[in-house]
Amino acid sequence: MSPDALNHLFSLLIGFALAGALVSAYQAFAQRQAGFGLLEDRASPRAFAAVPFLAFAAPFIIMRNTLRVGRCERRRFEFVMLATVLAGFWSMMSGTVVVMVLQGLGLLG
């Protein structure tokens, strides 16, 4: 496996792990599930605070919603595949940001 491919895989895994940890922490503190409905409070400080949270938690929320709806309704394969690719790409990008921050702080080599 090439170093670039390994770096992308590491970013993907870090992104999904961070998304899962953020959503789990939110659920533990707020006693409700995190979702894109956090943005419904228009022009309030809570909606603005939800944007950075959702930027990193979105891959987990997308996959959770896709799998939950998949059990209740029969979704087409293309829809599930598109949601998986979207969540994976988003996870890789957010994981890349986390890796770059850790490298900038000198915690990763």
C-alpha atoms as a PDB file:
ATOM      1  CA  MET A   1       0.000   0.000   0.000  1.00  0.00           C
ATOM      2  CA  SER A   2       1.434   3.375  -0.948  1.00  0.00           C
ATOM      3  CA  PRO A   3       2.075   6.027   1.706  1.00  0.00           C
ATOM      4  CA  ASP A   4      -0.586   8.290   0.175  1.00  0.00           C
ATOM      5  CA  ALA A   5      -3.214   5.540   0.274  1.00  0.00           C
ATOM      6  CA  LEU A   6      -2.294   4.748   3.873  1.00  0.00           C
ATOM      7  CA  ASN A   7      -2.560   8.425   4.800  1.00  0.00           C
ATOM      8  CA  HIS A   8      -6.020   8.668   3.199  1.00  0.00           C
ATOM      9  CA  LEU A   9      -7.166   5.519   4.974  1.00  0.00           C
ATOM     10  CA  PHE A  10      -5.895   6.904   8.289  1.00  0.00           C
ATOM     11  CA  SER A  11      -7.772  10.181   7.659  1.00  0.00           C
ATOM     12  CA  LEU A  12     -10.956   8.263   6.806  1.00  0.00           C
ATOM     13  CA  LEU A  13     -10.755   6.207   9.998  1.00  0.00           C
ATOM     14  CA  ILE A  14      -9.953   9.248  12.162  1.00  0.00           C
ATOM     15  CA  GLY A  15     -12.896  11.114  10.620  1.00  0.00           C
ATOM     16  CA  PHE A  16     -15.391   8.334  11.340  1.00  0.00           C
ATOM     17  CA  ALA A  17     -14.015   7.816  14.846  1.00  0.00           C
ATOM     18  CA  LEU A  18     -14.257  11.525  15.630  1.00  0.00           C
ATOM     19  CA  ALA A  19     -17.790  11.711  14.220  1.00  0.00           C
ATOM     20  CA  GLY A  20     -18.911   8.761  16.331  1.00  0.00           C
ATOM     21  CA  ALA A  21     -17.287  10.167  19.464  1.00  0.00           C
ATOM     22  CA  LEU A  22     -18.885  13.599  18.961  1.00  0.00           C
ATOM     23  CA  VAL A  23     -22.360  12.180  18.411  1.00  0.00           C
ATOM     24  CA  SER A  24     -22.031   9.816  21.375  1.00  0.00           C
ATOM     25  CA  ALA A  25     -20.875  12.651  23.640  1.00  0.00           C
ATOM     26  CA  TYR A  26     -23.745  14.847  22.465  1.00  0.00           C
ATOM     27  CA  GLN A  27     -26.250  12.077  23.164  1.00  0.00           C
ATOM     28  CA  ALA A  28     -24.790  11.508  26.622  1.00  0.00           C
ATOM     29  CA  PHE A  29     -25.023  15.173  27.595  1.00  0.00           C
ATOM     30  CA  ALA A  30     -28.211  16.252  25.794  1.00  0.00           C
ATOM     31  CA  GLN A  31     -30.159  13.003  26.322  1.00  0.00           C
ATOM     32  CA  ARG A  32     -31.355  13.122  22.688  1.00  0.00           C
ATOM     33  CA  GLN A  33     -29.990  12.145  19.322  1.00  0.00           C
ATOM     34  CA  ALA A  34     -27.903  14.567  17.311  1.00  0.00           C
ATOM     35  CA  GLY A  35     -29.161  15.400  13.853  1.00  0.00           C
ATOM     36  CA  PHE A  36     -29.371  18.075  11.214  1.00  0.00           C
ATOM     37  CA  GLY A  37     -32.425  19.452  13.023  1.00  0.00           C
ATOM     38  CA  LEU A  38     -29.982  21.345  15.255  1.00  0.00           C
ATOM     39  CA  LEU A  39     -29.840  23.965  12.501  1.00  0.00           C
ATOM     40  CA  GLU A  40     -33.575  24.705  12.666  1.00  0.00           C
ATOM     41  CA  ASP A  41     -33.225  27.534  15.202  1.00  0.00           C
ATOM     42  CA  ARG A  42     -32.793  30.359  12.717  1.00  0.00           C
ATOM     43  CA  ALA A  43     -30.257  33.066  13.566  1.00  0.00           C
ATOM     44  CA  SER A  44     -29.800  31.896  17.116  1.00  0.00           C
ATOM     45  CA  PRO A  45     -26.468  31.258  18.830  1.00  0.00           C
ATOM     46  CA  ARG A  46     -27.363  27.572  19.167  1.00  0.00           C
ATOM     47  CA  ALA A  47     -27.711  27.204  15.391  1.00  0.00           C
ATOM     48  CA  PHE A  48     -24.359  28.903  14.818  1.00  0.00           C
ATOM     49  CA  ALA A  49     -22.718  26.681  17.435  1.00  0.00           C
ATOM     50  CA  ALA A  50     -24.182  23.600  15.742  1.00  0.00           C
ATOM     51  CA  VAL A  51     -22.391  24.295  12.447  1.00  0.00           C
ATOM     52  CA  PRO A  52     -18.848  23.282  13.541  1.00  0.00           C
ATOM     53  CA  PHE A  53     -20.281  20.345  15.484  1.00  0.00           C
ATOM     54  CA  LEU A  54     -22.188  19.084  12.453  1.00  0.00           C
ATOM     55  CA  ALA A  55     -19.198  19.657  10.175  1.00  0.00           C
ATOM     56  CA  PHE A  56     -17.354  16.901  12.035  1.00  0.00           C
ATOM     57  CA  ALA A  57     -20.321  14.755  13.172  1.00  0.00           C
ATOM     58  CA  ALA A  58     -22.122  14.587   9.805  1.00  0.00           C
ATOM     59  CA  PRO A  59     -20.597  11.305   8.504  1.00  0.00           C
ATOM     60  CA  PHE A  60     -21.945   9.388  11.492  1.00  0.00           C
ATOM     61  CA  ILE A  61     -25.359  11.072  11.260  1.00  0.00           C
ATOM     62  CA  ILE A  62     -25.613  10.372   7.513  1.00  0.00           C
ATOM     63  CA  MET A  63     -24.775   6.692   7.952  1.00  0.00           C
ATOM     64  CA  ARG A  64     -27.051   6.307  10.990  1.00  0.00           C
ATOM     65  CA  ASN A  65     -29.986   7.836   9.118  1.00  0.00           C
ATOM     66  CA  THR A  66     -29.272   5.768   6.000  1.00  0.00           C
ATOM     67  CA  LEU A  67     -29.134   2.498   7.931  1.00  0.00           C
ATOM     68  CA  ARG A  68     -32.177   3.354  10.043  1.00  0.00           C
ATOM     69  CA  VAL A  69     -34.326   4.183   7.018  1.00  0.00           C
ATOM     70  CA  GLY A  70     -32.954   1.144   5.199  1.00  0.00           C
ATOM     71  CA  ARG A  71     -34.453  -1.134   7.834  1.00  0.00           C
ATOM     72  CA  CYS A  72     -37.904   0.451   7.676  1.00  0.00           C
ATOM     73  CA  GLU A  73     -38.143   1.103   3.946  1.00  0.00           C
ATOM     74  CA  ARG A  74     -36.604  -0.709   1.041  1.00  0.00           C
ATOM     75  CA  ARG A  75     -34.154   1.839  -0.380  1.00  0.00           C
ATOM     76  CA  ARG A  76     -32.575   1.443  -3.770  1.00  0.00           C
ATOM     77  CA  PHE A  77     -28.964   0.311  -3.832  1.00  0.00           C
ATOM     78  CA  GLU A  78     -27.908   3.504  -5.605  1.00  0.00           C
ATOM     79  CA  PHE A  79     -29.239   5.696  -2.789  1.00  0.00           C
ATOM     80  CA  VAL A  80     -27.443   3.709  -0.094  1.00  0.00           C
ATOM     81  CA  MET A  81     -24.232   3.684  -2.133  1.00  0.00           C
ATOM     82  CA  LEU A  82     -24.413   7.449  -2.711  1.00  0.00           C
ATOM     83  CA  ALA A  83     -24.958   8.091   1.009  1.00  0.00           C
ATOM     84  CA  THR A  84     -22.030   5.814   1.875  1.00  0.00           C
ATOM     85  CA  VAL A  85     -19.695   7.515  -0.594  1.00  0.00           C
ATOM     86  CA  LEU A  86     -20.793  10.964   0.635  1.00  0.00           C
ATOM     87  CA  ALA A  87     -20.247  10.027   4.280  1.00  0.00           C
ATOM     88  CA  GLY A  88     -16.893   8.431   3.466  1.00  0.00           C
ATOM     89  CA  PHE A  89     -15.641  11.442   1.532  1.00  0.00           C
ATOM     90  CA  TRP A  90     -16.871  13.829   4.246  1.00  0.00           C
ATOM     91  CA  SER A  91     -15.197  11.664   6.887  1.00  0.00           C
ATOM     92  CA  MET A  92     -11.927  11.659   4.969  1.00  0.00           C
ATOM     93  CA  MET A  93     -11.982  15.460   4.655  1.00  0.00           C
ATOM     94  CA  SER A  94     -12.771  16.045   8.330  1.00  0.00           C
ATOM     95  CA  GLY A  95     -10.171  13.433   9.290  1.00  0.00           C
ATOM     96  CA  THR A  96      -7.632  15.267   7.120  1.00  0.00           C
ATOM     97  CA  VAL A  97      -8.348  18.470   9.037  1.00  0.00           C
ATOM     98  CA  VAL A  98      -7.842  16.666  12.356  1.00  0.00           C
ATOM     99  CA  VAL A  99      -4.590  15.065  11.171  1.00  0.00           C
ATOM    100  CA  MET A 100      -3.305  18.436   9.942  1.00  0.00           C
ATOM    101  CA  VAL A 101      -4.126  20.060  13.295  1.00  0.00           C
ATOM    102  CA  LEU A 102      -2.374  17.255  15.174  1.00  0.00           C
ATOM    103  CA  GLN A 103       0.656  17.602  12.896  1.00  0.00           C
ATOM    104  CA  GLY A 104       0.664  21.367  13.432  1.00  0.00           C
ATOM    105  CA  LEU A 105       0.656  20.846  17.192  1.00  0.00           C
ATOM    106  CA  GLY A 106       3.551  18.399  16.870  1.00  0.00           C
ATOM    107  CA  LEU A 107       1.552  15.431  18.183  1.00  0.00           C
ATOM    108  CA  LEU A 108       1.816  13.458  14.947  1.00  0.00           C
ATOM    109  CA  GLY A 109       4.932  12.909  12.907  1.00  0.00           C
END
